[in-house]
Amino acid sequence: MTTTSKLIPPFLLIPLLALSLPVLANDEEVIAAHRQMLLEKFPGARFTEFEIDDYKGQEVFEYEFEFMGKDYEAFITREGKILRLGLD
């Protein structure tokens, strides 16, 4: 019995990688803008966790952070609308 592996040729991977890079850069820009917005409201906050999640059927960027000894969480849309912000 012979097994063959099906590998994607490297020349096909390069275009796929190029297509994914703008998405990653865009998410990084969104995250940086969100964190800046939160730091304006909570100067000196320390971010502890982050994930992209679903909140009431909408994609959100979920941030957990510490500020003045208390734990907070924020759910923010890609466009920057705060859907939830408060103590965790």
N, C-alpha and C. Protein backbone atom coordinates (compact mmCIF):
# COMPACT_ATOMS: atom_id res chain seq x y z
N MET A 1 0.85 -1.17 0.00
CA MET A 1 0.00 0.00 0.00
C MET A 1 0.90 1.24 0.00
N THR A 2 0.70 2.09 -0.94
CA THR A 2 1.52 3.28 -1.08
C THR A 2 0.72 4.50 -0.63
N THR A 3 1.33 5.35 0.16
CA THR A 3 0.67 6.58 0.57
C THR A 3 1.36 7.74 -0.13
N THR A 4 0.57 8.65 -0.55
CA THR A 4 1.13 9.86 -1.18
C THR A 4 0.63 11.06 -0.40
N SER A 5 1.50 11.99 -0.22
CA SER A 5 1.09 13.20 0.48
C SER A 5 0.76 14.26 -0.56
N LYS A 6 -0.25 15.01 -0.29
CA LYS A 6 -0.68 16.06 -1.19
C LYS A 6 -0.25 17.39 -0.59
N LEU A 7 0.83 17.91 -1.11
CA LEU A 7 1.36 19.17 -0.63
C LEU A 7 1.01 20.28 -1.61
N ILE A 8 0.81 21.44 -1.08
CA ILE A 8 0.55 22.61 -1.93
C ILE A 8 1.90 23.13 -2.40
N PRO A 9 2.06 23.27 -3.71
CA PRO A 9 3.34 23.80 -4.21
C PRO A 9 3.61 25.20 -3.66
N PRO A 10 4.84 25.50 -3.31
CA PRO A 10 5.18 26.80 -2.72
C PRO A 10 4.75 28.00 -3.56
N PHE A 11 4.79 27.87 -4.89
CA PHE A 11 4.40 29.01 -5.72
C PHE A 11 2.92 29.34 -5.58
N LEU A 12 2.11 28.42 -5.10
CA LEU A 12 0.69 28.72 -4.84
C LEU A 12 0.48 29.34 -3.47
N LEU A 13 1.38 29.10 -2.54
CA LEU A 13 1.24 29.64 -1.18
C LEU A 13 1.51 31.13 -1.13
N ILE A 14 2.41 31.62 -1.95
CA ILE A 14 2.78 33.04 -1.90
C ILE A 14 1.58 33.94 -2.17
N PRO A 15 0.78 33.70 -3.23
CA PRO A 15 -0.40 34.55 -3.42
C PRO A 15 -1.38 34.47 -2.26
N LEU A 16 -1.54 33.26 -1.68
CA LEU A 16 -2.45 33.11 -0.53
C LEU A 16 -1.95 33.92 0.66
N LEU A 17 -0.67 33.89 0.91
CA LEU A 17 -0.08 34.66 2.01
C LEU A 17 -0.27 36.15 1.77
N ALA A 18 -0.07 36.59 0.55
CA ALA A 18 -0.22 38.00 0.22
C ALA A 18 -1.65 38.46 0.44
N LEU A 19 -2.62 37.60 0.16
CA LEU A 19 -4.02 37.97 0.37
C LEU A 19 -4.35 38.09 1.85
N SER A 20 -3.71 37.33 2.70
CA SER A 20 -4.03 37.34 4.13
C SER A 20 -3.35 38.50 4.87
N LEU A 21 -2.25 39.03 4.35
CA LEU A 21 -1.53 40.08 5.06
C LEU A 21 -2.34 41.36 5.26
N PRO A 22 -3.08 41.87 4.27
CA PRO A 22 -3.86 43.08 4.52
C PRO A 22 -4.89 42.91 5.63
N VAL A 23 -5.47 41.72 5.75
CA VAL A 23 -6.45 41.47 6.80
C VAL A 23 -5.77 41.58 8.16
N LEU A 24 -4.59 40.97 8.29
CA LEU A 24 -3.88 41.03 9.56
C LEU A 24 -3.49 42.46 9.90
N ALA A 25 -2.99 43.19 8.93
CA ALA A 25 -2.60 44.57 9.18
C ALA A 25 -3.82 45.39 9.57
N ASN A 26 -4.95 45.15 8.92
CA ASN A 26 -6.16 45.89 9.23
C ASN A 26 -6.61 45.62 10.66
N ASP A 27 -6.58 44.35 11.09
CA ASP A 27 -6.95 44.02 12.47
C ASP A 27 -6.00 44.70 13.46
N GLU A 28 -4.73 44.72 13.13
CA GLU A 28 -3.76 45.36 14.03
C GLU A 28 -4.05 46.86 14.16
N GLU A 29 -4.44 47.49 13.06
CA GLU A 29 -4.79 48.91 13.11
C GLU A 29 -6.04 49.14 13.95
N VAL A 30 -7.01 48.26 13.79
CA VAL A 30 -8.26 48.36 14.56
C VAL A 30 -7.96 48.19 16.05
N ILE A 31 -7.17 47.19 16.38
CA ILE A 31 -6.81 46.93 17.79
C ILE A 31 -6.07 48.12 18.38
N ALA A 32 -5.13 48.67 17.63
CA ALA A 32 -4.38 49.84 18.12
C ALA A 32 -5.31 51.02 18.36
N ALA A 33 -6.26 51.25 17.46
CA ALA A 33 -7.21 52.36 17.62
C ALA A 33 -8.11 52.13 18.84
N HIS A 34 -8.57 50.90 19.01
CA HIS A 34 -9.42 50.58 20.16
C HIS A 34 -8.66 50.80 21.47
N ARG A 35 -7.44 50.30 21.53
CA ARG A 35 -6.65 50.45 22.76
C ARG A 35 -6.39 51.92 23.06
N GLN A 36 -6.11 52.70 22.03
CA GLN A 36 -5.90 54.14 22.23
C GLN A 36 -7.16 54.79 22.79
N MET A 37 -8.31 54.41 22.24
CA MET A 37 -9.59 54.95 22.71
C MET A 37 -9.80 54.59 24.19
N LEU A 38 -9.50 53.35 24.56
CA LEU A 38 -9.67 52.93 25.96
C LEU A 38 -8.68 53.63 26.87
N LEU A 39 -7.45 53.82 26.40
CA LEU A 39 -6.45 54.52 27.21
C LEU A 39 -6.80 55.99 27.43
N GLU A 40 -7.52 56.58 26.51
CA GLU A 40 -7.99 57.96 26.71
C GLU A 40 -9.01 58.02 27.84
N LYS A 41 -9.84 56.99 27.96
CA LYS A 41 -10.84 56.93 29.02
C LYS A 41 -10.27 56.40 30.34
N PHE A 42 -9.25 55.53 30.22
CA PHE A 42 -8.64 54.89 31.38
C PHE A 42 -7.11 55.02 31.28
N PRO A 43 -6.58 56.22 31.54
CA PRO A 43 -5.13 56.44 31.39
C PRO A 43 -4.32 55.48 32.27
N GLY A 44 -3.35 54.84 31.67
CA GLY A 44 -2.50 53.92 32.41
C GLY A 44 -3.05 52.51 32.55
N ALA A 45 -4.18 52.23 31.92
CA ALA A 45 -4.76 50.88 31.99
C ALA A 45 -3.76 49.86 31.47
N ARG A 46 -3.82 48.65 32.03
CA ARG A 46 -2.95 47.56 31.61
C ARG A 46 -3.83 46.46 31.01
N PHE A 47 -3.64 46.20 29.71
CA PHE A 47 -4.44 45.20 29.02
C PHE A 47 -3.97 43.80 29.40
N THR A 48 -4.93 42.93 29.72
CA THR A 48 -4.59 41.59 30.19
C THR A 48 -5.03 40.49 29.23
N GLU A 49 -6.13 40.70 28.50
CA GLU A 49 -6.62 39.68 27.57
C GLU A 49 -7.29 40.35 26.38
N PHE A 50 -7.29 39.62 25.27
CA PHE A 50 -7.94 40.11 24.06
C PHE A 50 -8.43 38.91 23.25
N GLU A 51 -9.58 39.06 22.63
CA GLU A 51 -10.04 38.05 21.67
C GLU A 51 -11.11 38.67 20.77
N ILE A 52 -11.24 38.11 19.59
CA ILE A 52 -12.35 38.48 18.72
C ILE A 52 -13.45 37.49 19.01
N ASP A 53 -14.63 38.00 19.31
CA ASP A 53 -15.71 37.16 19.80
C ASP A 53 -17.02 37.57 19.15
N ASP A 54 -18.09 36.91 19.56
CA ASP A 54 -19.43 37.23 19.10
C ASP A 54 -20.23 37.73 20.30
N TYR A 55 -20.88 38.88 20.14
CA TYR A 55 -21.69 39.46 21.22
C TYR A 55 -23.02 39.86 20.63
N LYS A 56 -24.07 39.17 21.05
CA LYS A 56 -25.42 39.41 20.56
C LYS A 56 -25.48 39.38 19.03
N GLY A 57 -24.79 38.37 18.46
CA GLY A 57 -24.83 38.17 17.02
C GLY A 57 -23.93 39.09 16.22
N GLN A 58 -23.07 39.83 16.88
CA GLN A 58 -22.20 40.79 16.19
C GLN A 58 -20.74 40.50 16.54
N GLU A 59 -19.87 40.58 15.53
CA GLU A 59 -18.45 40.39 15.80
C GLU A 59 -17.94 41.56 16.63
N VAL A 60 -17.24 41.24 17.71
CA VAL A 60 -16.68 42.28 18.58
C VAL A 60 -15.24 41.95 18.93
N PHE A 61 -14.51 42.99 19.26
CA PHE A 61 -13.17 42.85 19.80
C PHE A 61 -13.34 42.99 21.30
N GLU A 62 -13.00 41.94 22.04
CA GLU A 62 -13.19 41.93 23.49
C GLU A 62 -11.85 42.18 24.17
N TYR A 63 -11.82 43.21 25.00
CA TYR A 63 -10.61 43.57 25.73
C TYR A 63 -10.87 43.44 27.22
N GLU A 64 -9.92 42.88 27.92
CA GLU A 64 -9.96 42.88 29.39
C GLU A 64 -8.73 43.64 29.83
N PHE A 65 -8.94 44.50 30.84
CA PHE A 65 -7.83 45.32 31.30
C PHE A 65 -8.01 45.68 32.76
N GLU A 66 -6.89 46.07 33.38
CA GLU A 66 -6.91 46.50 34.78
C GLU A 66 -6.73 48.01 34.82
N PHE A 67 -7.49 48.63 35.71
CA PHE A 67 -7.38 50.07 35.90
C PHE A 67 -7.66 50.39 37.36
N MET A 68 -6.71 51.01 38.00
CA MET A 68 -6.82 51.40 39.41
C MET A 68 -7.23 50.22 40.30
N GLY A 69 -6.61 49.05 40.04
CA GLY A 69 -6.85 47.88 40.87
C GLY A 69 -8.12 47.12 40.59
N LYS A 70 -8.85 47.50 39.55
CA LYS A 70 -10.10 46.80 39.23
C LYS A 70 -10.01 46.24 37.81
N ASP A 71 -10.75 45.13 37.58
CA ASP A 71 -10.77 44.47 36.28
C ASP A 71 -11.97 44.96 35.47
N TYR A 72 -11.71 45.35 34.23
CA TYR A 72 -12.74 45.84 33.32
C TYR A 72 -12.75 44.99 32.07
N GLU A 73 -13.88 45.08 31.35
CA GLU A 73 -13.95 44.48 30.03
C GLU A 73 -14.69 45.42 29.10
N ALA A 74 -14.32 45.34 27.82
CA ALA A 74 -14.95 46.18 26.81
C ALA A 74 -15.21 45.35 25.57
N PHE A 75 -16.40 45.50 24.99
CA PHE A 75 -16.74 44.88 23.72
C PHE A 75 -16.89 46.03 22.73
N ILE A 76 -16.08 46.02 21.69
CA ILE A 76 -16.06 47.13 20.73
C ILE A 76 -16.18 46.55 19.33
N THR A 77 -17.03 47.18 18.49
CA THR A 77 -17.15 46.74 17.11
C THR A 77 -15.92 47.17 16.32
N ARG A 78 -15.75 46.58 15.17
CA ARG A 78 -14.63 46.93 14.29
C ARG A 78 -14.63 48.44 14.00
N GLU A 79 -15.82 49.01 13.89
CA GLU A 79 -15.95 50.44 13.57
C GLU A 79 -15.69 51.35 14.77
N GLY A 80 -15.55 50.78 15.96
CA GLY A 80 -15.22 51.57 17.14
C GLY A 80 -16.40 51.88 18.05
N LYS A 81 -17.54 51.27 17.81
CA LYS A 81 -18.70 51.49 18.68
C LYS A 81 -18.56 50.59 19.91
N ILE A 82 -18.64 51.20 21.08
CA ILE A 82 -18.55 50.44 22.33
C ILE A 82 -19.92 49.86 22.64
N LEU A 83 -20.00 48.53 22.66
CA LEU A 83 -21.26 47.85 22.96
C LEU A 83 -21.39 47.55 24.44
N ARG A 84 -20.26 47.35 25.08
CA ARG A 84 -20.28 47.06 26.52
C ARG A 84 -18.94 47.52 27.12
N LEU A 85 -19.03 48.18 28.24
CA LEU A 85 -17.84 48.65 28.93
C LEU A 85 -18.16 48.72 30.42
N GLY A 86 -17.44 47.97 31.21
CA GLY A 86 -17.69 48.01 32.65
C GLY A 86 -16.80 47.05 33.41
N LEU A 87 -17.09 46.95 34.68
CA LEU A 87 -16.33 46.04 35.54
C LEU A 87 -16.56 44.61 35.10
N ASP A 88 -15.49 43.84 35.15
CA ASP A 88 -15.57 42.43 34.73
C ASP A 88 -16.06 41.57 35.87
